[in-house]
Amino acid sequence: MPSTDALLAEIPRLRRYARALTGDATRADDLVQDTLERALNKWRLWRPGNLRNWLLTTMHHVFINQLAAENRLQYRDAAELPETPVAPAQSDGLELRDLGRALQALPADQREILLLVGLEDLSYEETARIVGIPPGTVMSRLSRARGRLRGLLAEGETLPAHLKIVK
């Protein structure tokens, strides 16, 4: 069993990943708490090695279970996304807000891969082990996620329906 200090050292990274994954601070804190609870209940399954990857794998499973329970796992075709043009961002704060919204518009499986590789800086192999899919699937989901994210952030793509362009 890893030390309590080692577990506590991973909490900030878990919180960051959960926040990026859920897009909501409250849901992220709940996800981290549920992940840590499951990890503590399943210590006997941990094999000495990379604690961070084991916790991220646990978080992945908890997150997928939560999505399934909420029936929120939805795959949307690109044609179903809003087609209102986006005005260029005027400041870093707006760009970050737009990035957050675009990340939330990605399907959960693509968003998760993008965050593990891009935010957590994990290799394709580590990501594949965490999510439980082949490395080739990681690469294809990452490619689709990056392409869709570029499209969502590109000028002239999507704006949330409640916003209007003012000229």
Protein backbone atom coordinates (compact mmCIF):
# COMPACT_ATOMS: atom_id res chain seq x y z
CA MET A 1 0.00 0.00 0.00
CA PRO A 2 1.48 3.39 -0.97
CA SER A 3 2.06 5.98 1.71
CA THR A 4 -0.57 8.52 2.65
CA ASP A 5 1.85 11.26 1.57
CA ALA A 6 2.08 9.76 -1.92
CA LEU A 7 -1.71 9.69 -2.18
CA LEU A 8 -2.06 13.26 -0.91
CA ALA A 9 0.56 14.43 -3.41
CA GLU A 10 -1.65 13.22 -6.30
CA ILE A 11 -4.79 15.11 -5.23
CA PRO A 12 -3.94 18.40 -7.01
CA ARG A 13 -3.36 16.56 -10.29
CA LEU A 14 -6.59 14.59 -9.83
CA ARG A 15 -8.50 17.81 -9.15
CA ARG A 16 -7.04 19.50 -12.23
CA TYR A 17 -7.91 16.58 -14.48
CA ALA A 18 -11.39 16.20 -12.97
CA ARG A 19 -12.08 19.93 -13.42
CA ALA A 20 -11.01 19.79 -17.05
CA LEU A 21 -13.00 16.61 -17.61
CA THR A 22 -16.26 17.79 -16.05
CA GLY A 23 -16.04 21.54 -16.67
CA ASP A 24 -17.57 22.22 -13.27
CA ALA A 25 -15.75 22.73 -9.96
CA THR A 26 -18.45 21.08 -7.86
CA ARG A 27 -18.74 18.01 -10.08
CA ALA A 28 -14.94 17.81 -10.25
CA ASP A 29 -14.63 17.80 -6.47
CA ASP A 30 -17.29 15.09 -6.28
CA LEU A 31 -15.43 13.06 -8.91
CA VAL A 32 -12.15 13.35 -6.99
CA GLN A 33 -13.88 12.36 -3.77
CA ASP A 34 -15.55 9.37 -5.42
CA THR A 35 -12.22 8.38 -7.00
CA LEU A 36 -10.36 8.55 -3.70
CA GLU A 37 -13.12 6.64 -1.94
CA ARG A 38 -12.97 3.87 -4.52
CA ALA A 39 -9.16 3.84 -4.41
CA LEU A 40 -9.16 3.49 -0.63
CA ASN A 41 -11.70 0.66 -0.84
CA LYS A 42 -9.64 -1.10 -3.55
CA TRP A 43 -6.09 -0.76 -2.16
CA ARG A 44 -5.72 -4.53 -2.33
CA LEU A 45 -5.90 -4.30 -6.14
CA TRP A 46 -3.04 -1.78 -6.40
CA ARG A 47 0.23 -3.19 -7.59
CA PRO A 48 3.41 -1.29 -6.72
CA GLY A 49 4.29 0.99 -9.57
CA ASN A 50 2.81 4.18 -10.90
CA LEU A 51 0.25 5.42 -8.36
CA ARG A 52 -0.76 8.37 -10.56
CA ASN A 53 -1.75 6.12 -13.46
CA TRP A 54 -3.68 3.81 -11.15
CA LEU A 55 -5.61 6.76 -9.69
CA LEU A 56 -6.28 8.22 -13.16
CA THR A 57 -7.54 4.81 -14.30
CA THR A 58 -9.81 4.67 -11.27
CA MET A 59 -11.06 8.20 -12.04
CA HIS A 60 -11.75 7.17 -15.63
CA HIS A 61 -13.93 4.28 -14.48
CA VAL A 62 -15.78 6.42 -11.94
CA PHE A 63 -16.39 9.14 -14.53
CA ILE A 64 -17.69 6.70 -17.15
CA ASN A 65 -19.97 5.09 -14.55
CA GLN A 66 -21.33 8.51 -13.60
CA LEU A 67 -21.98 9.40 -17.24
CA ALA A 68 -23.75 6.11 -17.85
CA ALA A 69 -25.86 6.57 -14.74
CA GLU A 70 -26.89 10.04 -15.85
CA ASN A 71 -27.48 8.94 -19.45
CA ARG A 72 -25.27 11.84 -20.45
CA LEU A 73 -22.94 9.89 -22.73
CA GLN A 74 -24.04 11.32 -26.06
CA TYR A 75 -22.29 11.13 -29.38
CA ARG A 76 -23.23 14.01 -31.60
CA ASP A 77 -22.55 14.20 -35.27
CA ALA A 78 -20.74 17.32 -36.45
CA ALA A 79 -23.84 18.25 -38.45
CA GLU A 80 -25.82 18.53 -35.19
CA LEU A 81 -23.51 21.15 -33.70
CA PRO A 82 -24.62 24.79 -33.86
CA GLU A 83 -23.41 26.66 -36.93
CA THR A 84 -23.41 30.26 -35.71
CA PRO A 85 -20.13 32.06 -36.53
CA VAL A 86 -17.67 32.88 -33.75
CA ALA A 87 -16.15 36.34 -33.56
CA PRO A 88 -12.39 36.43 -32.91
CA ALA A 89 -11.51 36.39 -29.22
CA GLN A 90 -10.43 39.78 -27.83
CA SER A 91 -8.55 38.66 -24.74
CA ASP A 92 -6.93 35.70 -23.06
CA GLY A 93 -9.84 35.35 -20.65
CA LEU A 94 -12.30 35.01 -23.51
CA GLU A 95 -10.03 32.52 -25.26
CA LEU A 96 -9.84 30.39 -22.13
CA ARG A 97 -13.61 30.54 -21.73
CA ASP A 98 -14.06 29.53 -25.38
CA LEU A 99 -11.58 26.69 -24.94
CA GLY A 100 -13.48 25.44 -21.90
CA ARG A 101 -16.76 25.51 -23.79
CA ALA A 102 -15.22 23.80 -26.80
CA LEU A 103 -13.77 21.07 -24.58
CA GLN A 104 -17.20 20.49 -23.06
CA ALA A 105 -18.70 20.24 -26.56
CA LEU A 106 -16.43 17.30 -27.40
CA PRO A 107 -17.77 13.80 -26.87
CA ALA A 108 -16.65 12.47 -23.47
CA ASP A 109 -14.40 9.77 -24.95
CA GLN A 110 -12.53 12.28 -27.13
CA ARG A 111 -12.31 14.91 -24.36
CA GLU A 112 -10.89 12.36 -21.94
CA ILE A 113 -8.14 11.26 -24.35
CA LEU A 114 -7.28 14.86 -25.22
CA LEU A 115 -6.98 15.79 -21.55
CA LEU A 116 -4.90 12.76 -20.58
CA VAL A 117 -2.42 13.30 -23.43
CA GLY A 118 -2.47 17.10 -23.59
CA LEU A 119 -3.07 18.20 -20.01
CA GLU A 120 -1.65 15.30 -18.02
CA ASP A 121 1.19 14.74 -20.53
CA LEU A 122 0.75 10.97 -20.57
CA SER A 123 2.04 8.79 -23.40
CA TYR A 124 -0.33 7.02 -25.77
CA GLU A 125 0.51 3.72 -24.07
CA GLU A 126 -0.19 5.07 -20.57
CA THR A 127 -3.44 6.63 -21.78
CA ALA A 128 -4.45 3.36 -23.44
CA ARG A 129 -3.88 1.45 -20.18
CA ILE A 130 -5.84 4.01 -18.15
CA VAL A 131 -8.83 4.07 -20.49
CA GLY A 132 -8.63 0.38 -21.38
CA ILE A 133 -8.39 0.70 -25.17
CA PRO A 134 -5.65 -0.05 -27.71
CA PRO A 135 -3.00 2.65 -28.37
CA GLY A 136 -4.23 2.95 -31.97
CA THR A 137 -7.68 3.88 -30.72
CA VAL A 138 -6.09 6.49 -28.46
CA MET A 139 -4.32 8.00 -31.46
CA SER A 140 -7.46 8.06 -33.61
CA ARG A 141 -9.62 9.56 -30.83
CA LEU A 142 -6.93 12.14 -30.15
CA SER A 143 -6.79 13.05 -33.83
CA ARG A 144 -10.58 13.41 -34.03
CA ALA A 145 -10.65 15.42 -30.79
CA ARG A 146 -7.95 17.80 -31.99
CA GLY A 147 -9.69 18.26 -35.33
CA ARG A 148 -13.05 18.92 -33.75
CA LEU A 149 -11.51 21.25 -31.17
CA ARG A 150 -9.78 23.21 -33.95
CA GLY A 151 -13.11 23.46 -35.75
CA LEU A 152 -14.93 24.61 -32.64
CA LEU A 153 -12.32 27.27 -31.93
CA ALA A 154 -11.85 28.43 -35.54
CA GLU A 155 -13.34 31.68 -36.67
CA GLY A 156 -16.77 31.22 -38.15
CA GLU A 157 -17.60 27.99 -36.36
CA THR A 158 -19.86 27.69 -33.33
CA LEU A 159 -21.20 30.06 -30.73
CA PRO A 160 -23.61 28.94 -28.04
CA ALA A 161 -27.17 29.56 -29.22
CA HIS A 162 -27.89 32.08 -26.45
CA LEU A 163 -25.13 34.44 -27.71
CA LYS A 164 -25.53 36.84 -30.62
CA ILE A 165 -22.94 38.44 -32.81
CA VAL A 166 -23.02 42.22 -32.58
CA LYS A 167 -21.53 44.20 -35.45
